[in-house]
Amino acid sequence: MRSSTFVRLLSSEPDGPVRSNTNVGDDHSALVITRMREWHAEGDADVLQLSVDGGEPVDVVTDFVGNGAIGLHVHDDVATPGETTLAPLPYFSEQPFQSGIDVYLPASPDADGTITATNLPRGDTSRPQTLNVPNWPSSGHTVSLVFTDWPVDGAA
């Protein structure tokens, strides 16, 4: 997308509130998905689907995400381990420009599976953006996915 070798990596402190409020474990993955355009669940709604190894996709843009969030924290919650409830995650949904969604994304120790994230941007759902990442366990990895805020031909 750009012709620069400059990379800027941002990270939370190891003992900071983002990491301490992310449920981690060996059996599930954790994602942070961003786009510099708010996710909306109403009107001309956005669609953001997640699946593991080609399984049934789950749309994670729910009603409460329509709070102007540009950053979505997606992981298995403590209250319902191993289940996808699409419930708001504590802490994240209370932060400005962020939201959190309970989605169980099974992980494997050797990350031999694939998590697929597909964004159908509002205004042009004919040009989906798809990102694929290994299903790393959240006990050792947090995966950041960044989508463009406009439809892009050939985005993968």
N, C-alpha and C. Protein backbone atom coordinates (compact mmCIF):
# COMPACT_ATOMS: atom_id res chain seq x y z
N MET A 1 0.82 -1.19 0.00
CA MET A 1 0.00 0.00 0.00
C MET A 1 0.86 1.25 0.00
N ARG A 2 2.07 1.14 0.56
CA ARG A 2 2.94 2.31 0.64
C ARG A 2 4.33 1.93 0.12
N SER A 3 5.06 2.92 -0.31
CA SER A 3 6.40 2.65 -0.82
C SER A 3 7.45 3.15 0.17
N SER A 4 7.29 2.76 1.43
CA SER A 4 8.21 3.19 2.47
C SER A 4 8.66 1.96 3.26
N THR A 5 9.87 2.03 3.77
CA THR A 5 10.35 0.94 4.61
C THR A 5 10.17 1.25 6.09
N PHE A 6 9.57 2.40 6.38
CA PHE A 6 9.33 2.82 7.76
C PHE A 6 8.18 2.02 8.37
N VAL A 7 8.40 1.46 9.53
CA VAL A 7 7.36 0.73 10.24
C VAL A 7 7.27 1.29 11.64
N ARG A 8 6.05 1.56 12.09
CA ARG A 8 5.85 2.05 13.45
C ARG A 8 5.02 1.02 14.20
N LEU A 9 5.61 0.43 15.21
CA LEU A 9 4.92 -0.56 16.01
C LEU A 9 4.58 0.03 17.37
N LEU A 10 3.31 -0.05 17.72
CA LEU A 10 2.85 0.44 19.01
C LEU A 10 2.49 -0.75 19.88
N SER A 11 2.77 -0.65 21.14
CA SER A 11 2.49 -1.75 22.04
C SER A 11 2.09 -1.20 23.40
N SER A 12 1.32 -1.99 24.09
CA SER A 12 0.96 -1.65 25.47
C SER A 12 2.07 -2.11 26.40
N GLU A 13 2.10 -1.50 27.55
CA GLU A 13 3.05 -1.98 28.57
C GLU A 13 2.65 -3.38 29.00
N PRO A 14 3.63 -4.25 29.32
CA PRO A 14 3.31 -5.62 29.71
C PRO A 14 2.35 -5.72 30.88
N ASP A 15 2.41 -4.76 31.81
CA ASP A 15 1.52 -4.80 32.96
C ASP A 15 0.44 -3.72 32.88
N GLY A 16 0.22 -3.17 31.67
CA GLY A 16 -0.76 -2.12 31.48
C GLY A 16 -2.19 -2.64 31.48
N PRO A 17 -3.17 -1.74 31.50
CA PRO A 17 -4.57 -2.15 31.60
C PRO A 17 -5.10 -2.93 30.40
N VAL A 18 -4.59 -2.67 29.20
CA VAL A 18 -5.05 -3.44 28.04
C VAL A 18 -4.68 -4.90 28.21
N ARG A 19 -3.44 -5.15 28.53
CA ARG A 19 -3.00 -6.54 28.68
C ARG A 19 -3.59 -7.21 29.91
N SER A 20 -3.72 -6.47 30.99
CA SER A 20 -4.27 -7.10 32.21
C SER A 20 -5.76 -7.37 32.08
N ASN A 21 -6.45 -6.72 31.14
CA ASN A 21 -7.87 -6.97 30.93
C ASN A 21 -8.16 -7.90 29.76
N THR A 22 -7.11 -8.40 29.13
CA THR A 22 -7.28 -9.38 28.06
C THR A 22 -7.18 -10.78 28.66
N ASN A 23 -8.23 -11.57 28.49
CA ASN A 23 -8.22 -12.94 28.97
C ASN A 23 -7.29 -13.75 28.07
N VAL A 24 -6.29 -14.37 28.66
CA VAL A 24 -5.33 -15.15 27.87
C VAL A 24 -5.37 -16.61 28.30
N GLY A 25 -4.99 -17.47 27.37
CA GLY A 25 -4.96 -18.89 27.64
C GLY A 25 -4.33 -19.65 26.50
N ASP A 26 -4.04 -20.91 26.73
CA ASP A 26 -3.42 -21.75 25.70
C ASP A 26 -4.40 -22.22 24.64
N ASP A 27 -5.72 -22.16 24.94
CA ASP A 27 -6.69 -22.76 24.02
C ASP A 27 -7.42 -21.75 23.14
N HIS A 28 -7.14 -20.46 23.26
CA HIS A 28 -7.83 -19.49 22.41
C HIS A 28 -6.90 -18.35 21.99
N SER A 29 -7.27 -17.71 20.88
CA SER A 29 -6.51 -16.59 20.34
C SER A 29 -7.14 -15.27 20.75
N ALA A 30 -6.33 -14.21 20.76
CA ALA A 30 -6.80 -12.86 21.06
C ALA A 30 -6.39 -11.94 19.91
N LEU A 31 -7.33 -11.11 19.47
CA LEU A 31 -7.09 -10.19 18.36
C LEU A 31 -7.39 -8.76 18.78
N VAL A 32 -6.65 -7.83 18.19
CA VAL A 32 -7.00 -6.42 18.24
C VAL A 32 -7.14 -6.01 16.79
N ILE A 33 -8.35 -5.57 16.42
CA ILE A 33 -8.65 -5.24 15.03
C ILE A 33 -8.93 -3.74 14.95
N THR A 34 -8.19 -3.05 14.10
CA THR A 34 -8.38 -1.61 13.98
C THR A 34 -8.63 -1.20 12.54
N ARG A 35 -9.28 -0.07 12.45
CA ARG A 35 -9.52 0.61 11.19
C ARG A 35 -9.78 2.06 11.54
N MET A 36 -9.19 2.99 10.84
CA MET A 36 -9.36 4.41 11.15
C MET A 36 -10.66 4.97 10.59
N ARG A 37 -11.70 4.19 10.71
CA ARG A 37 -13.06 4.59 10.36
C ARG A 37 -13.95 3.80 11.31
N GLU A 38 -14.82 4.49 12.01
CA GLU A 38 -15.64 3.85 13.03
C GLU A 38 -16.41 2.67 12.45
N TRP A 39 -16.56 1.65 13.29
CA TRP A 39 -17.40 0.50 12.92
C TRP A 39 -18.84 0.86 13.30
N HIS A 40 -19.78 0.63 12.40
CA HIS A 40 -21.19 0.93 12.65
C HIS A 40 -22.05 -0.31 12.44
N ALA A 41 -23.03 -0.49 13.31
CA ALA A 41 -23.92 -1.64 13.23
C ALA A 41 -25.30 -1.28 12.70
N GLU A 42 -25.55 -0.01 12.47
CA GLU A 42 -26.87 0.43 12.02
C GLU A 42 -26.76 1.09 10.66
N GLY A 43 -27.93 1.24 10.00
CA GLY A 43 -27.95 1.90 8.69
C GLY A 43 -27.14 1.12 7.68
N ASP A 44 -26.23 1.80 7.01
CA ASP A 44 -25.32 1.15 6.07
C ASP A 44 -24.21 0.50 6.89
N ALA A 45 -24.54 -0.63 7.52
CA ALA A 45 -23.68 -1.25 8.53
C ALA A 45 -22.42 -1.88 7.94
N ASP A 46 -21.40 -1.93 8.77
CA ASP A 46 -20.17 -2.65 8.44
C ASP A 46 -20.37 -4.13 8.74
N VAL A 47 -19.62 -4.96 8.05
CA VAL A 47 -19.60 -6.38 8.34
C VAL A 47 -18.14 -6.75 8.57
N LEU A 48 -17.88 -7.37 9.71
CA LEU A 48 -16.55 -7.89 10.02
C LEU A 48 -16.75 -9.32 10.51
N GLN A 49 -16.34 -10.27 9.68
CA GLN A 49 -16.54 -11.67 10.00
C GLN A 49 -15.22 -12.34 10.35
N LEU A 50 -15.28 -13.20 11.37
CA LEU A 50 -14.13 -13.99 11.79
C LEU A 50 -14.46 -15.46 11.69
N SER A 51 -13.50 -16.25 11.25
CA SER A 51 -13.67 -17.70 11.22
C SER A 51 -12.31 -18.35 11.47
N VAL A 52 -12.35 -19.60 11.89
CA VAL A 52 -11.13 -20.37 12.11
C VAL A 52 -11.19 -21.60 11.21
N ASP A 53 -10.14 -21.78 10.41
CA ASP A 53 -10.00 -22.92 9.52
C ASP A 53 -11.23 -23.13 8.62
N GLY A 54 -11.77 -22.05 8.10
CA GLY A 54 -12.88 -22.14 7.17
C GLY A 54 -14.22 -22.47 7.80
N GLY A 55 -14.30 -22.42 9.13
CA GLY A 55 -15.56 -22.69 9.83
C GLY A 55 -16.58 -21.60 9.59
N GLU A 56 -17.73 -21.76 10.19
CA GLU A 56 -18.81 -20.79 10.05
C GLU A 56 -18.35 -19.42 10.54
N PRO A 57 -18.44 -18.39 9.69
CA PRO A 57 -18.00 -17.05 10.13
C PRO A 57 -18.95 -16.43 11.14
N VAL A 58 -18.38 -15.63 12.04
CA VAL A 58 -19.14 -14.90 13.05
C VAL A 58 -18.99 -13.42 12.76
N ASP A 59 -20.12 -12.71 12.66
CA ASP A 59 -20.07 -11.26 12.45
C ASP A 59 -19.91 -10.60 13.81
N VAL A 60 -18.83 -9.85 13.99
CA VAL A 60 -18.53 -9.27 15.30
C VAL A 60 -18.95 -7.81 15.44
N VAL A 61 -19.52 -7.21 14.40
CA VAL A 61 -20.01 -5.84 14.53
C VAL A 61 -21.43 -5.92 15.08
N THR A 62 -21.54 -5.76 16.39
CA THR A 62 -22.82 -5.86 17.09
C THR A 62 -23.34 -4.47 17.43
N ASP A 63 -24.54 -4.39 17.96
CA ASP A 63 -25.16 -3.10 18.28
C ASP A 63 -24.28 -2.21 19.15
N PHE A 64 -23.65 -2.79 20.17
CA PHE A 64 -22.87 -1.95 21.09
C PHE A 64 -21.56 -1.47 20.48
N VAL A 65 -21.13 -2.05 19.37
CA VAL A 65 -19.91 -1.59 18.71
C VAL A 65 -20.14 -0.22 18.08
N GLY A 66 -21.39 0.13 17.79
CA GLY A 66 -21.71 1.39 17.14
C GLY A 66 -21.43 2.61 17.99
N ASN A 67 -20.50 2.52 18.93
CA ASN A 67 -20.16 3.65 19.81
C ASN A 67 -19.02 4.49 19.26
N GLY A 68 -18.71 4.32 17.99
CA GLY A 68 -17.61 5.06 17.40
C GLY A 68 -16.28 4.37 17.56
N ALA A 69 -16.28 3.08 17.84
CA ALA A 69 -15.04 2.33 18.05
C ALA A 69 -14.27 2.20 16.74
N ILE A 70 -12.96 2.39 16.83
CA ILE A 70 -12.08 2.08 15.71
C ILE A 70 -11.18 0.89 16.06
N GLY A 71 -11.08 0.57 17.34
CA GLY A 71 -10.31 -0.57 17.81
C GLY A 71 -11.21 -1.59 18.46
N LEU A 72 -11.15 -2.83 17.98
CA LEU A 72 -11.98 -3.90 18.53
C LEU A 72 -11.08 -4.96 19.16
N HIS A 73 -11.30 -5.23 20.43
CA HIS A 73 -10.58 -6.29 21.14
C HIS A 73 -11.48 -7.52 21.11
N VAL A 74 -10.95 -8.60 20.56
CA VAL A 74 -11.74 -9.81 20.38
C VAL A 74 -11.01 -10.97 21.04
N HIS A 75 -11.65 -11.56 22.06
CA HIS A 75 -11.08 -12.74 22.70
C HIS A 75 -12.16 -13.44 23.51
N ASP A 76 -11.84 -14.62 23.99
CA ASP A 76 -12.75 -15.41 24.81
C ASP A 76 -12.84 -14.76 26.18
N ASP A 77 -14.06 -14.60 26.70
CA ASP A 77 -14.18 -13.97 28.02
C ASP A 77 -14.03 -15.00 29.13
N VAL A 78 -13.90 -14.52 30.34
CA VAL A 78 -13.72 -15.38 31.51
C VAL A 78 -15.03 -16.06 31.89
N ALA A 79 -16.15 -15.36 31.70
CA ALA A 79 -17.45 -15.86 32.17
C ALA A 79 -17.95 -17.07 31.40
N THR A 80 -17.66 -17.16 30.10
CA THR A 80 -18.17 -18.25 29.27
C THR A 80 -17.05 -18.85 28.43
N PRO A 81 -16.09 -19.51 29.06
CA PRO A 81 -14.95 -20.05 28.31
C PRO A 81 -15.38 -21.05 27.24
N GLY A 82 -14.75 -20.92 26.05
CA GLY A 82 -15.05 -21.85 24.96
C GLY A 82 -16.32 -21.54 24.21
N GLU A 83 -16.99 -20.43 24.53
CA GLU A 83 -18.23 -20.04 23.86
C GLU A 83 -18.09 -18.66 23.23
N THR A 84 -18.77 -18.47 22.11
CA THR A 84 -18.89 -17.15 21.51
C THR A 84 -20.26 -16.60 21.88
N THR A 85 -20.28 -15.55 22.69
CA THR A 85 -21.56 -14.95 23.08
C THR A 85 -21.79 -13.59 22.42
N LEU A 86 -20.75 -13.00 21.86
CA LEU A 86 -20.79 -11.65 21.28
C LEU A 86 -21.15 -10.59 22.32
N ALA A 87 -20.95 -10.92 23.57
CA ALA A 87 -21.22 -9.98 24.66
C ALA A 87 -20.06 -8.97 24.76
N PRO A 88 -20.36 -7.77 25.28
CA PRO A 88 -19.27 -6.80 25.48
C PRO A 88 -18.26 -7.33 26.50
N LEU A 89 -17.00 -7.11 26.23
CA LEU A 89 -15.96 -7.47 27.18
C LEU A 89 -15.80 -6.34 28.19
N PRO A 90 -15.68 -6.69 29.48
CA PRO A 90 -15.45 -5.65 30.48
C PRO A 90 -14.20 -4.85 30.14
N TYR A 91 -14.16 -3.64 30.57
CA TYR A 91 -13.07 -2.69 30.41
C TYR A 91 -13.04 -2.09 29.00
N PHE A 92 -12.91 -2.90 27.95
CA PHE A 92 -12.69 -2.38 26.60
C PHE A 92 -13.88 -1.57 26.09
N SER A 93 -15.08 -2.03 26.38
CA SER A 93 -16.27 -1.32 25.89
C SER A 93 -16.48 0.00 26.61
N GLU A 94 -15.73 0.25 27.68
CA GLU A 94 -15.83 1.50 28.43
C GLU A 94 -14.76 2.52 28.02
N GLN A 95 -13.87 2.12 27.11
CA GLN A 95 -12.76 2.99 26.70
C GLN A 95 -13.16 3.80 25.46
N PRO A 96 -12.64 5.01 25.32
CA PRO A 96 -12.95 5.79 24.13
C PRO A 96 -12.40 5.13 22.86
N PHE A 97 -13.20 5.13 21.83
CA PHE A 97 -12.83 4.62 20.51
C PHE A 97 -12.47 3.14 20.49
N GLN A 98 -12.88 2.41 21.52
CA GLN A 98 -12.60 0.98 21.58
C GLN A 98 -13.86 0.23 21.95
N SER A 99 -13.84 -1.05 21.68
CA SER A 99 -14.90 -1.94 22.13
C SER A 99 -14.29 -3.32 22.29
N GLY A 100 -14.97 -4.18 23.00
CA GLY A 100 -14.51 -5.55 23.21
C GLY A 100 -15.64 -6.53 23.00
N ILE A 101 -15.36 -7.64 22.34
CA ILE A 101 -16.39 -8.61 21.97
C ILE A 101 -15.91 -10.00 22.34
N ASP A 102 -16.79 -10.76 23.03
CA ASP A 102 -16.49 -12.14 23.40
C ASP A 102 -16.66 -13.05 22.19
N VAL A 103 -15.54 -13.51 21.65
CA VAL A 103 -15.54 -14.48 20.55
C VAL A 103 -14.48 -15.53 20.87
N TYR A 104 -14.90 -16.78 20.87
CA TYR A 104 -13.97 -17.88 21.09
C TYR A 104 -13.33 -18.26 19.75
N LEU A 105 -12.03 -18.06 19.66
CA LEU A 105 -11.25 -18.43 18.47
C LEU A 105 -10.26 -19.51 18.89
N PRO A 106 -10.56 -20.79 18.61
CA PRO A 106 -9.68 -21.86 19.06
C PRO A 106 -8.25 -21.69 18.56
N ALA A 107 -7.30 -21.94 19.44
CA ALA A 107 -5.88 -21.85 19.11
C ALA A 107 -5.25 -23.23 19.17
N SER A 108 -4.07 -23.34 18.60
CA SER A 108 -3.32 -24.58 18.72
C SER A 108 -1.88 -24.22 19.09
N PRO A 109 -1.21 -25.08 19.87
CA PRO A 109 0.14 -24.76 20.35
C PRO A 109 1.13 -24.46 19.23
N ASP A 110 0.99 -25.16 18.10
CA ASP A 110 1.91 -24.92 16.98
C ASP A 110 1.31 -24.01 15.92
N ALA A 111 0.17 -23.38 16.22
CA ALA A 111 -0.50 -22.44 15.31
C ALA A 111 -0.66 -23.04 13.92
N ASP A 112 -1.17 -24.25 13.86
CA ASP A 112 -1.35 -24.90 12.56
C ASP A 112 -2.69 -24.58 11.92
N GLY A 113 -3.47 -23.71 12.53
CA GLY A 113 -4.74 -23.29 11.96
C GLY A 113 -4.67 -21.84 11.50
N THR A 114 -5.74 -21.40 10.86
CA THR A 114 -5.79 -20.05 10.31
C THR A 114 -7.05 -19.33 10.77
N ILE A 115 -6.87 -18.11 11.27
CA ILE A 115 -7.99 -17.22 11.56
C ILE A 115 -8.14 -16.30 10.35
N THR A 116 -9.35 -16.24 9.83
CA THR A 116 -9.65 -15.38 8.69
C THR A 116 -10.55 -14.25 9.15
N ALA A 117 -10.14 -13.03 8.87
CA ALA A 117 -10.95 -11.84 9.18
C ALA A 117 -11.30 -11.18 7.85
N THR A 118 -12.60 -10.99 7.63
CA THR A 118 -13.07 -10.38 6.40
C THR A 118 -13.89 -9.15 6.72
N ASN A 119 -13.48 -8.02 6.18
CA ASN A 119 -14.15 -6.73 6.36
C ASN A 119 -14.88 -6.40 5.07
N LEU A 120 -16.20 -6.22 5.17
CA LEU A 120 -16.99 -5.73 4.05
C LEU A 120 -17.30 -4.26 4.34
N PRO A 121 -16.49 -3.34 3.82
CA PRO A 121 -16.64 -1.94 4.22
C PRO A 121 -17.96 -1.34 3.78
N ARG A 122 -18.55 -0.56 4.68
CA ARG A 122 -19.82 0.09 4.33
C ARG A 122 -19.57 1.02 3.15
N GLY A 123 -20.54 1.07 2.30
CA GLY A 123 -20.42 1.88 1.11
C GLY A 123 -19.98 1.10 -0.10
N ASP A 124 -19.31 -0.04 0.10
CA ASP A 124 -18.88 -0.86 -1.02
C ASP A 124 -18.55 -2.27 -0.56
N THR A 125 -19.59 -3.06 -0.33
CA THR A 125 -19.39 -4.43 0.15
C THR A 125 -18.93 -5.36 -0.98
N SER A 126 -18.84 -4.84 -2.21
CA SER A 126 -18.39 -5.67 -3.32
C SER A 126 -16.88 -5.86 -3.33
N ARG A 127 -16.17 -5.13 -2.47
CA ARG A 127 -14.71 -5.23 -2.43
C ARG A 127 -14.25 -5.60 -1.02
N PRO A 128 -14.46 -6.87 -0.64
CA PRO A 128 -14.07 -7.29 0.72
C PRO A 128 -12.56 -7.24 0.92
N GLN A 129 -12.18 -7.01 2.16
CA GLN A 129 -10.78 -7.06 2.57
C GLN A 129 -10.63 -8.27 3.48
N THR A 130 -9.66 -9.12 3.20
CA THR A 130 -9.47 -10.35 3.97
C THR A 130 -8.03 -10.44 4.47
N LEU A 131 -7.90 -10.72 5.76
CA LEU A 131 -6.59 -10.94 6.38
C LEU A 131 -6.60 -12.32 7.02
N ASN A 132 -5.52 -13.08 6.84
CA ASN A 132 -5.36 -14.41 7.42
C ASN A 132 -4.16 -14.40 8.35
N VAL A 133 -4.34 -14.96 9.56
CA VAL A 133 -3.26 -15.03 10.54
C VAL A 133 -3.27 -16.41 11.20
N PRO A 134 -2.13 -16.85 11.71
CA PRO A 134 -2.09 -18.12 12.45
C PRO A 134 -2.92 -18.04 13.73
N ASN A 135 -3.44 -19.16 14.17
CA ASN A 135 -4.24 -19.20 15.40
C ASN A 135 -3.34 -19.43 16.62
N TRP A 136 -2.47 -18.45 16.87
CA TRP A 136 -1.55 -18.50 18.00
C TRP A 136 -2.32 -18.45 19.32
N PRO A 137 -1.87 -19.17 20.33
CA PRO A 137 -2.49 -19.09 21.66
C PRO A 137 -2.28 -17.70 22.26
N SER A 138 -3.31 -17.16 22.89
CA SER A 138 -3.23 -15.83 23.49
C SER A 138 -2.31 -15.80 24.71
N SER A 139 -1.95 -16.97 25.23
CA SER A 139 -1.02 -17.00 26.37
C SER A 139 0.36 -16.48 25.99
N GLY A 140 0.67 -16.49 24.70
CA GLY A 140 1.97 -16.02 24.27
C GLY A 140 1.95 -14.99 23.16
N HIS A 141 0.75 -14.73 22.61
CA HIS A 141 0.65 -13.85 21.44
C HIS A 141 -0.65 -13.04 21.46
N THR A 142 -0.55 -11.80 21.06
CA THR A 142 -1.73 -11.01 20.73
C THR A 142 -1.55 -10.57 19.29
N VAL A 143 -2.54 -10.79 18.47
CA VAL A 143 -2.47 -10.50 17.05
C VAL A 143 -3.16 -9.18 16.77
N SER A 144 -2.50 -8.30 16.05
CA SER A 144 -3.09 -7.03 15.63
C SER A 144 -3.38 -7.08 14.14
N LEU A 145 -4.61 -6.76 13.79
CA LEU A 145 -5.02 -6.69 12.39
C LEU A 145 -5.42 -5.25 12.10
N VAL A 146 -4.94 -4.72 10.99
CA VAL A 146 -5.26 -3.34 10.62
C VAL A 146 -5.85 -3.36 9.21
N PHE A 147 -7.10 -2.90 9.12
CA PHE A 147 -7.77 -2.77 7.83
C PHE A 147 -7.68 -1.32 7.36
N THR A 148 -7.69 -1.13 6.06
CA THR A 148 -7.76 0.22 5.52
C THR A 148 -9.17 0.76 5.78
N ASP A 149 -9.30 2.07 5.77
CA ASP A 149 -10.61 2.67 6.02
C ASP A 149 -11.35 2.97 4.73
N TRP A 150 -10.90 2.42 3.61
CA TRP A 150 -11.56 2.59 2.33
C TRP A 150 -11.45 1.27 1.57
N PRO A 151 -12.38 0.99 0.67
CA PRO A 151 -12.28 -0.23 -0.13
C PRO A 151 -11.03 -0.20 -1.00
N VAL A 152 -10.35 -1.34 -1.10
CA VAL A 152 -9.11 -1.44 -1.85
C VAL A 152 -9.20 -2.63 -2.78
N ASP A 153 -8.90 -2.42 -4.04
CA ASP A 153 -8.87 -3.54 -4.98
C ASP A 153 -7.66 -4.41 -4.68
N GLY A 154 -7.88 -5.71 -4.65
CA GLY A 154 -6.78 -6.65 -4.45
C GLY A 154 -6.25 -6.71 -3.02
N ALA A 155 -6.99 -6.19 -2.03
CA ALA A 155 -6.53 -6.26 -0.65
C ALA A 155 -6.55 -7.70 -0.18
N ALA A 156 -5.48 -8.12 0.43
CA ALA A 156 -5.44 -9.49 0.96
C ALA A 156 -4.60 -9.52 2.22
